[in-house]
């Protein structure tokens, strides 16, 4: 799903931000990208697992390539 969203997802007007756990206004897309980037080590583990013949390894590789190439925000602009 993240592969489909990358560079395409934009929140509906009025839903572009939310209050985080510290009750601070937070941009939704920036928060999603931060969480994906925080999961990069796990994605690398999946991408490096040559015993996985399913789609997970390929999807992890694609997502890591997208992370390396640009920001989600760059893709939207």
C-alpha atoms as a PDB file:
ATOM      1  CA  UNK A   1       0.000   0.000   0.000  1.00  0.00           C
ATOM      2  CA  UNK A   2       2.833   2.422   0.807  1.00  0.00           C
ATOM      3  CA  UNK A   3       4.295   1.861  -2.641  1.00  0.00           C
ATOM      4  CA  UNK A   4       0.999   2.945  -4.186  1.00  0.00           C
ATOM      5  CA  UNK A   5       0.740   5.977  -1.915  1.00  0.00           C
ATOM      6  CA  UNK A   6       4.296   7.249  -2.310  1.00  0.00           C
ATOM      7  CA  UNK A   7       4.129  10.573  -4.092  1.00  0.00           C
ATOM      8  CA  UNK A   8       0.386  10.316  -4.678  1.00  0.00           C
ATOM      9  CA  UNK A   9      -1.268  10.548  -1.279  1.00  0.00           C
ATOM     10  CA  UNK A  10      -2.457  13.951  -0.153  1.00  0.00           C
ATOM     11  CA  UNK A  11      -4.861  14.385   2.747  1.00  0.00           C
ATOM     12  CA  UNK A  12      -8.299  15.849   2.229  1.00  0.00           C
ATOM     13  CA  UNK A  13      -8.566  19.589   2.917  1.00  0.00           C
ATOM     14  CA  UNK A  14      -8.872  20.154   6.637  1.00  0.00           C
ATOM     15  CA  UNK A  15      -7.152  16.859   7.500  1.00  0.00           C
ATOM     16  CA  UNK A  16      -3.526  17.740   6.688  1.00  0.00           C
ATOM     17  CA  UNK A  17      -2.456  17.894  10.330  1.00  0.00           C
ATOM     18  CA  UNK A  18      -3.210  16.361  13.697  1.00  0.00           C
ATOM     19  CA  UNK A  19      -2.077  16.746  17.291  1.00  0.00           C
ATOM     20  CA  UNK A  20       0.750  14.400  18.230  1.00  0.00           C
ATOM     21  CA  UNK A  21       1.349  12.682  21.574  1.00  0.00           C
ATOM     22  CA  UNK A  22       2.790  15.981  22.913  1.00  0.00           C
ATOM     23  CA  UNK A  23      -0.372  17.801  21.776  1.00  0.00           C
ATOM     24  CA  UNK A  24       1.613  19.639  19.086  1.00  0.00           C
ATOM     25  CA  UNK A  25       0.203  20.241  15.595  1.00  0.00           C
ATOM     26  CA  UNK A  26       1.890  17.835  13.186  1.00  0.00           C
ATOM     27  CA  UNK A  27       1.747  17.628   9.405  1.00  0.00           C
ATOM     28  CA  UNK A  28       0.204  14.271   8.473  1.00  0.00           C
ATOM     29  CA  UNK A  29       2.377  13.499   5.430  1.00  0.00           C
ATOM     30  CA  UNK A  30       5.586  14.476   7.259  1.00  0.00           C
ATOM     31  CA  UNK A  31       4.607  12.218  10.173  1.00  0.00           C
ATOM     32  CA  UNK A  32       3.919   9.270   7.849  1.00  0.00           C
ATOM     33  CA  UNK A  33       7.268   9.758   6.106  1.00  0.00           C
ATOM     34  CA  UNK A  34       9.127   9.985   9.450  1.00  0.00           C
ATOM     35  CA  UNK A  35       7.591   6.687  10.561  1.00  0.00           C
ATOM     36  CA  UNK A  36       8.505   4.979   7.294  1.00  0.00           C
ATOM     37  CA  UNK A  37      12.071   6.281   7.539  1.00  0.00           C
ATOM     38  CA  UNK A  38      12.226   5.105  11.168  1.00  0.00           C
ATOM     39  CA  UNK A  39      11.336   1.604   9.921  1.00  0.00           C
ATOM     40  CA  UNK A  40      14.168   1.575   7.351  1.00  0.00           C
ATOM     41  CA  UNK A  41      16.292  -0.892   9.346  1.00  0.00           C
ATOM     42  CA  UNK A  42      13.422  -3.378   9.393  1.00  0.00           C
ATOM     43  CA  UNK A  43      12.833  -2.817   5.685  1.00  0.00           C
ATOM     44  CA  UNK A  44      16.537  -3.475   5.021  1.00  0.00           C
ATOM     45  CA  UNK A  45      16.309  -6.747   6.950  1.00  0.00           C
ATOM     46  CA  UNK A  46      13.383  -7.828   4.775  1.00  0.00           C
ATOM     47  CA  UNK A  47      15.101  -6.650   1.569  1.00  0.00           C
ATOM     48  CA  UNK A  48      18.295  -8.537   2.461  1.00  0.00           C
ATOM     49  CA  UNK A  49      16.501 -11.826   3.225  1.00  0.00           C
ATOM     50  CA  UNK A  50      17.336 -13.879   0.132  1.00  0.00           C
ATOM     51  CA  UNK A  51      15.365 -16.844   1.496  1.00  0.00           C
ATOM     52  CA  UNK A  52      12.110 -14.909   0.971  1.00  0.00           C
ATOM     53  CA  UNK A  53      10.752 -15.811  -2.438  1.00  0.00           C
ATOM     54  CA  UNK A  54       7.515 -13.898  -1.834  1.00  0.00           C
ATOM     55  CA  UNK A  55       6.730 -10.291  -2.724  1.00  0.00           C
ATOM     56  CA  UNK A  56       7.819  -8.784   0.625  1.00  0.00           C
ATOM     57  CA  UNK A  57      11.511  -8.582  -0.281  1.00  0.00           C
ATOM     58  CA  UNK A  58      10.853  -6.872  -3.615  1.00  0.00           C
ATOM     59  CA  UNK A  59       8.400  -4.414  -2.049  1.00  0.00           C
ATOM     60  CA  UNK A  60      10.872  -3.558   0.721  1.00  0.00           C
ATOM     61  CA  UNK A  61      13.582  -2.972  -1.901  1.00  0.00           C
ATOM     62  CA  UNK A  62      11.277  -0.674  -3.894  1.00  0.00           C
ATOM     63  CA  UNK A  63      10.267   1.320  -0.831  1.00  0.00           C
ATOM     64  CA  UNK A  64      13.909   1.706   0.241  1.00  0.00           C
ATOM     65  CA  UNK A  65      14.740   2.947  -3.270  1.00  0.00           C
ATOM     66  CA  UNK A  66      11.982   5.524  -3.029  1.00  0.00           C
ATOM     67  CA  UNK A  67      13.211   6.624   0.390  1.00  0.00           C
ATOM     68  CA  UNK A  68      16.732   7.024  -0.982  1.00  0.00           C
ATOM     69  CA  UNK A  69      15.602   8.894  -4.091  1.00  0.00           C
ATOM     70  CA  UNK A  70      13.443  11.575  -2.557  1.00  0.00           C
ATOM     71  CA  UNK A  71      11.099  12.745   0.086  1.00  0.00           C
ATOM     72  CA  UNK A  72       7.410  11.953  -0.165  1.00  0.00           C
ATOM     73  CA  UNK A  73       6.897  15.699   0.135  1.00  0.00           C
ATOM     74  CA  UNK A  74       9.175  16.262  -2.878  1.00  0.00           C
ATOM     75  CA  UNK A  75       7.010  13.863  -4.870  1.00  0.00           C
ATOM     76  CA  UNK A  76       3.865  15.812  -3.987  1.00  0.00           C
ATOM     77  CA  UNK A  77       5.267  19.199  -4.982  1.00  0.00           C
END
